[in-house]
Each structure stands twice: as structure tokens, then as C-alpha cells.
Amino acid sequence: MATVPRATVLFVCVHNAGRSQMAAAWLQHLSRGRVEVRSAGTLPADQINPQAVAAMAEVDIDLVGLTPRVLTPEMVKASDYVITMGCGDTCPVFPGKQYRDWALQDPAGQDLDVVRRIRDEIKERVADLVAEIDGRASNPYDGHDADVSGHRADDAA
């Protein structure tokens, strides 16, 4: 029997060439199909950052053949979680979504050692996200999510 994804996650960064691609690959790997994964950029690059490809290859995750994609409002609407990584105000916001902004160093122009550290930080954050999503299957609200205005969801009355 096929696994039905518990959530849909969209990772967004400016160029969709490094952070968001690594995060999407980690989520695909760590969730083992329990989560539908997307990534996009507000100004997509022509190709995936070669250092990101190399760093992920070291942990047996293949980014070869992937291409950056442009972010569309439909992608955001179709996602339960929208994880931004430095795209600022250019990311569309729709009510009812879980928005997170992960402050991560941009791997563009960095050497492989720096990209490895970024890769490992992304893995930790993605592992936490998977645990949260898995927990939501039985507890859809844990009382700690913020809405897009920054207020806790349980404070809105």
C-alpha cells in the first residue's frame, strides 16, 4: 500500500540553486515519502550550485539533473508549510499556511567546507521539521505556531 503524504512542504530561496535544493533533498530522504516536497526560487539560477551538488553527493544524495524552478503563487497555495531562506518580502503569503524563515548562510560562492556546514545545518532543521510533521498526524496543533503576522496562533481571538 502506498504511503499518503502527511504534509506538503515548499522550500524557497532566491535562486533555488543551493539551500532550498539541499533542504528539499534532505526532506525527501529523511521523510521516506511521508512528505510531499517542492522547492523554488524567486529569481531562479540557470543551474544548481556545483558545491551544493558535491556536498550532497558526499552523503549519497544526488542533485545532478535537477534544475532551479521559479516560485509561483500556486506552489504556495498547494503547500502546508512554506520554508523561506533569504527571499525576503518577495515570497507570496497566503492565510492558513505554516511559514518559517530559516536564516541560513547562502552557499553561493562558498568553498566546499562552508557548504558542508550549511548542508549539515539544513539536515538538522529538516530532521526537526519531519519530527514536527510526524507529530502533527495525531496532534494537528501544538500551540506553538506563529501566524504570518508573528502572533501565536492561540493568541488570536
C-alpha atoms as a PDB file:
ATOM      1  CA  MET A   1       0.000   0.000   0.000  1.00  0.00           C
ATOM      2  CA  ALA A   2       1.347   3.459  -0.945  1.00  0.00           C
ATOM      3  CA  THR A   3       2.091   5.994   1.757  1.00  0.00           C
ATOM      4  CA  VAL A   4      -0.111   9.085   1.678  1.00  0.00           C
ATOM      5  CA  PRO A   5       1.937  12.237   2.331  1.00  0.00           C
ATOM      6  CA  ARG A   6       1.069  13.834   5.684  1.00  0.00           C
ATOM      7  CA  ALA A   7       2.028  17.323   4.542  1.00  0.00           C
ATOM      8  CA  THR A   8       3.345  19.317   1.614  1.00  0.00           C
ATOM      9  CA  VAL A   9       6.455  21.428   2.170  1.00  0.00           C
ATOM     10  CA  LEU A  10       7.782  24.139  -0.131  1.00  0.00           C
ATOM     11  CA  PHE A  11      11.357  25.385   0.299  1.00  0.00           C
ATOM     12  CA  VAL A  12      12.026  28.824  -1.167  1.00  0.00           C
ATOM     13  CA  CYS A  13      15.233  30.773  -1.635  1.00  0.00           C
ATOM     14  CA  VAL A  14      16.227  33.414  -4.140  1.00  0.00           C
ATOM     15  CA  HIS A  15      17.987  31.296  -6.747  1.00  0.00           C
ATOM     16  CA  ASN A  16      16.689  27.797  -5.908  1.00  0.00           C
ATOM     17  CA  ALA A  17      20.224  26.623  -6.530  1.00  0.00           C
ATOM     18  CA  GLY A  18      21.599  25.757  -3.102  1.00  0.00           C
ATOM     19  CA  ARG A  19      19.790  25.961   0.238  1.00  0.00           C
ATOM     20  CA  SER A  20      16.295  25.141  -0.995  1.00  0.00           C
ATOM     21  CA  GLN A  21      17.547  22.298  -3.192  1.00  0.00           C
ATOM     22  CA  MET A  22      19.547  20.772  -0.338  1.00  0.00           C
ATOM     23  CA  ALA A  23      16.597  21.147   2.046  1.00  0.00           C
ATOM     24  CA  ALA A  24      14.206  19.524  -0.425  1.00  0.00           C
ATOM     25  CA  ALA A  25      16.602  16.629  -0.972  1.00  0.00           C
ATOM     26  CA  TRP A  26      17.072  16.133   2.773  1.00  0.00           C
ATOM     27  CA  LEU A  27      13.326  16.175   3.367  1.00  0.00           C
ATOM     28  CA  GLN A  28      12.732  13.664   0.604  1.00  0.00           C
ATOM     29  CA  HIS A  29      15.427  11.429   2.098  1.00  0.00           C
ATOM     30  CA  LEU A  30      14.514  11.759   5.779  1.00  0.00           C
ATOM     31  CA  SER A  31      10.742  11.548   5.378  1.00  0.00           C
ATOM     32  CA  ARG A  32      10.890   8.482   3.105  1.00  0.00           C
ATOM     33  CA  GLY A  33       7.849   9.629   1.145  1.00  0.00           C
ATOM     34  CA  ARG A  34       5.755  10.725   4.113  1.00  0.00           C
ATOM     35  CA  VAL A  35       6.015  14.351   2.993  1.00  0.00           C
ATOM     36  CA  GLU A  36       5.440  15.871  -0.439  1.00  0.00           C
ATOM     37  CA  VAL A  37       8.402  18.108  -1.232  1.00  0.00           C
ATOM     38  CA  ARG A  38       8.777  21.125  -3.522  1.00  0.00           C
ATOM     39  CA  SER A  39      11.406  23.823  -3.972  1.00  0.00           C
ATOM     40  CA  ALA A  40      11.503  27.039  -5.955  1.00  0.00           C
ATOM     41  CA  GLY A  41      13.167  30.428  -6.186  1.00  0.00           C
ATOM     42  CA  THR A  42      12.060  33.991  -6.631  1.00  0.00           C
ATOM     43  CA  LEU A  43      14.843  34.579  -9.199  1.00  0.00           C
ATOM     44  CA  PRO A  44      15.974  31.065 -10.182  1.00  0.00           C
ATOM     45  CA  ALA A  45      19.522  30.484 -11.357  1.00  0.00           C
ATOM     46  CA  ASP A  46      20.441  28.601 -14.519  1.00  0.00           C
ATOM     47  CA  GLN A  47      21.792  25.590 -12.621  1.00  0.00           C
ATOM     48  CA  ILE A  48      22.214  24.044  -9.187  1.00  0.00           C
ATOM     49  CA  ASN A  49      25.263  25.299  -7.287  1.00  0.00           C
ATOM     50  CA  PRO A  50      28.069  22.792  -8.064  1.00  0.00           C
ATOM     51  CA  GLN A  51      29.324  22.996  -4.456  1.00  0.00           C
ATOM     52  CA  ALA A  52      25.831  22.041  -3.195  1.00  0.00           C
ATOM     53  CA  VAL A  53      25.806  19.106  -5.623  1.00  0.00           C
ATOM     54  CA  ALA A  54      29.243  17.998  -4.366  1.00  0.00           C
ATOM     55  CA  ALA A  55      28.349  18.383  -0.683  1.00  0.00           C
ATOM     56  CA  MET A  56      25.146  16.371  -1.057  1.00  0.00           C
ATOM     57  CA  ALA A  57      26.934  13.682  -3.104  1.00  0.00           C
ATOM     58  CA  GLU A  58      29.185  13.143  -0.079  1.00  0.00           C
ATOM     59  CA  VAL A  59      26.104  11.949   1.854  1.00  0.00           C
ATOM     60  CA  ASP A  60      24.820   9.880  -1.086  1.00  0.00           C
ATOM     61  CA  ILE A  61      22.095  12.315  -2.126  1.00  0.00           C
ATOM     62  CA  ASP A  62      22.118  13.110  -5.829  1.00  0.00           C
ATOM     63  CA  LEU A  63      21.212  16.609  -7.029  1.00  0.00           C
ATOM     64  CA  VAL A  64      22.569  16.027 -10.545  1.00  0.00           C
ATOM     65  CA  GLY A  65      19.949  16.706 -13.187  1.00  0.00           C
ATOM     66  CA  LEU A  66      17.807  18.979 -11.003  1.00  0.00           C
ATOM     67  CA  THR A  67      17.089  22.477 -12.240  1.00  0.00           C
ATOM     68  CA  PRO A  68      16.042  25.606 -10.382  1.00  0.00           C
ATOM     69  CA  ARG A  69      12.352  26.488 -10.730  1.00  0.00           C
ATOM     70  CA  VAL A  70      10.501  29.751 -10.442  1.00  0.00           C
ATOM     71  CA  LEU A  71       8.198  30.253  -7.462  1.00  0.00           C
ATOM     72  CA  THR A  72       4.517  30.596  -8.311  1.00  0.00           C
ATOM     73  CA  PRO A  73       1.578  31.563  -6.112  1.00  0.00           C
ATOM     74  CA  GLU A  74       0.043  28.161  -6.938  1.00  0.00           C
ATOM     75  CA  MET A  75       3.009  26.400  -5.333  1.00  0.00           C
ATOM     76  CA  VAL A  76       2.467  28.349  -2.140  1.00  0.00           C
ATOM     77  CA  LYS A  77      -1.285  27.735  -2.158  1.00  0.00           C
ATOM     78  CA  ALA A  78      -0.728  23.989  -2.587  1.00  0.00           C
ATOM     79  CA  SER A  79       1.710  23.745   0.365  1.00  0.00           C
ATOM     80  CA  ASP A  80       1.070  23.223   4.062  1.00  0.00           C
ATOM     81  CA  TYR A  81       4.486  24.554   5.081  1.00  0.00           C
ATOM     82  CA  VAL A  82       6.448  27.284   3.326  1.00  0.00           C
ATOM     83  CA  ILE A  83      10.068  27.477   4.441  1.00  0.00           C
ATOM     84  CA  THR A  84      11.844  30.594   3.221  1.00  0.00           C
ATOM     85  CA  MET A  85      15.596  31.060   3.172  1.00  0.00           C
ATOM     86  CA  GLY A  86      16.505  34.633   2.475  1.00  0.00           C
ATOM     87  CA  CYS A  87      13.941  35.617  -0.153  1.00  0.00           C
ATOM     88  CA  GLY A  88      12.534  38.432   1.976  1.00  0.00           C
ATOM     89  CA  ASP A  89       9.334  40.171   1.007  1.00  0.00           C
ATOM     90  CA  THR A  90       9.207  38.642  -2.477  1.00  0.00           C
ATOM     91  CA  CYS A  91       7.636  35.425  -1.181  1.00  0.00           C
ATOM     92  CA  PRO A  92       3.850  35.400  -1.509  1.00  0.00           C
ATOM     93  CA  VAL A  93       1.875  34.941   1.697  1.00  0.00           C
ATOM     94  CA  PHE A  94      -1.467  33.146   1.920  1.00  0.00           C
ATOM     95  CA  PRO A  95      -3.507  32.559   5.070  1.00  0.00           C
ATOM     96  CA  GLY A  96      -3.650  29.104   6.600  1.00  0.00           C
ATOM     97  CA  LYS A  97      -0.072  28.118   5.789  1.00  0.00           C
ATOM     98  CA  GLN A  98       2.742  27.419   8.247  1.00  0.00           C
ATOM     99  CA  TYR A  99       5.505  29.902   7.401  1.00  0.00           C
ATOM    100  CA  ARG A 100       9.061  29.534   8.651  1.00  0.00           C
ATOM    101  CA  ASP A 101      12.089  31.595   7.780  1.00  0.00           C
ATOM    102  CA  TRP A 102      15.333  29.732   8.179  1.00  0.00           C
ATOM    103  CA  ALA A 103      18.264  32.139   8.432  1.00  0.00           C
ATOM    104  CA  LEU A 104      20.911  30.133   6.629  1.00  0.00           C
ATOM    105  CA  GLN A 105      24.136  31.270   5.039  1.00  0.00           C
ATOM    106  CA  ASP A 106      23.956  31.353   1.236  1.00  0.00           C
ATOM    107  CA  PRO A 107      26.256  28.703  -0.275  1.00  0.00           C
ATOM    108  CA  ALA A 108      26.771  30.764  -3.452  1.00  0.00           C
ATOM    109  CA  GLY A 109      30.468  31.461  -3.938  1.00  0.00           C
ATOM    110  CA  GLN A 110      31.473  29.484  -0.834  1.00  0.00           C
ATOM    111  CA  ASP A 111      34.093  26.756  -0.671  1.00  0.00           C
ATOM    112  CA  LEU A 112      33.116  23.158  -0.050  1.00  0.00           C
ATOM    113  CA  ASP A 113      33.907  23.273   3.693  1.00  0.00           C
ATOM    114  CA  VAL A 114      31.411  26.109   4.202  1.00  0.00           C
ATOM    115  CA  VAL A 115      28.799  24.384   2.055  1.00  0.00           C
ATOM    116  CA  ARG A 116      29.234  21.216   4.132  1.00  0.00           C
ATOM    117  CA  ARG A 117      28.413  23.184   7.296  1.00  0.00           C
ATOM    118  CA  ILE A 118      25.338  24.681   5.605  1.00  0.00           C
ATOM    119  CA  ARG A 119      24.307  21.199   4.431  1.00  0.00           C
ATOM    120  CA  ASP A 120      24.610  19.813   7.954  1.00  0.00           C
ATOM    121  CA  GLU A 121      22.650  22.702   9.488  1.00  0.00           C
ATOM    122  CA  ILE A 122      19.906  22.171   6.913  1.00  0.00           C
ATOM    123  CA  LYS A 123      19.802  18.457   7.754  1.00  0.00           C
ATOM    124  CA  GLU A 124      19.258  19.252  11.452  1.00  0.00           C
ATOM    125  CA  ARG A 125      16.446  21.685  10.684  1.00  0.00           C
ATOM    126  CA  VAL A 126      14.806  19.271   8.264  1.00  0.00           C
ATOM    127  CA  ALA A 127      15.009  16.437  10.810  1.00  0.00           C
ATOM    128  CA  ASP A 128      13.223  18.676  13.322  1.00  0.00           C
ATOM    129  CA  LEU A 129      10.596  19.525  10.708  1.00  0.00           C
ATOM    130  CA  VAL A 130       9.991  15.841   9.945  1.00  0.00           C
ATOM    131  CA  ALA A 131       9.524  15.136  13.655  1.00  0.00           C
ATOM    132  CA  GLU A 132       7.060  18.025  13.894  1.00  0.00           C
ATOM    133  CA  ILE A 133       5.101  16.876  10.857  1.00  0.00           C
ATOM    134  CA  ASP A 134       5.022  13.294  12.101  1.00  0.00           C
ATOM    135  CA  GLY A 135       3.740  14.555  15.440  1.00  0.00           C
ATOM    136  CA  ARG A 136       1.017  16.551  13.715  1.00  0.00           C
ATOM    137  CA  ALA A 137      -0.523  13.401  12.313  1.00  0.00           C
ATOM    138  CA  SER A 138      -2.033  12.803  15.746  1.00  0.00           C
ATOM    139  CA  ASN A 139      -1.857  16.355  17.162  1.00  0.00           C
ATOM    140  CA  PRO A 140      -2.600  18.924  14.435  1.00  0.00           C
ATOM    141  CA  TYR A 141      -1.989  21.898  16.734  1.00  0.00           C
ATOM    142  CA  ASP A 142       0.742  22.045  19.320  1.00  0.00           C
ATOM    143  CA  GLY A 143       0.094  25.643  20.411  1.00  0.00           C
ATOM    144  CA  HIS A 144       3.477  26.959  19.299  1.00  0.00           C
ATOM    145  CA  ASP A 145       2.971  28.006  15.695  1.00  0.00           C
ATOM    146  CA  ALA A 146       3.017  31.630  14.703  1.00  0.00           C
ATOM    147  CA  ASP A 147       0.805  33.082  12.042  1.00  0.00           C
ATOM    148  CA  VAL A 148       2.333  35.273   9.348  1.00  0.00           C
ATOM    149  CA  SER A 149       1.908  38.398  11.490  1.00  0.00           C
ATOM    150  CA  GLY A 150       4.190  36.904  14.152  1.00  0.00           C
ATOM    151  CA  HIS A 151       1.476  36.340  16.750  1.00  0.00           C
ATOM    152  CA  ARG A 152       0.991  32.915  18.235  1.00  0.00           C
ATOM    153  CA  ALA A 153      -1.991  31.224  16.652  1.00  0.00           C
ATOM    154  CA  ASP A 154      -3.595  30.647  20.064  1.00  0.00           C
ATOM    155  CA  ASP A 155      -3.343  34.385  20.878  1.00  0.00           C
ATOM    156  CA  ALA A 156      -5.652  35.363  18.023  1.00  0.00           C
ATOM    157  CA  ALA A 157      -9.145  35.885  19.332  1.00  0.00           C
END
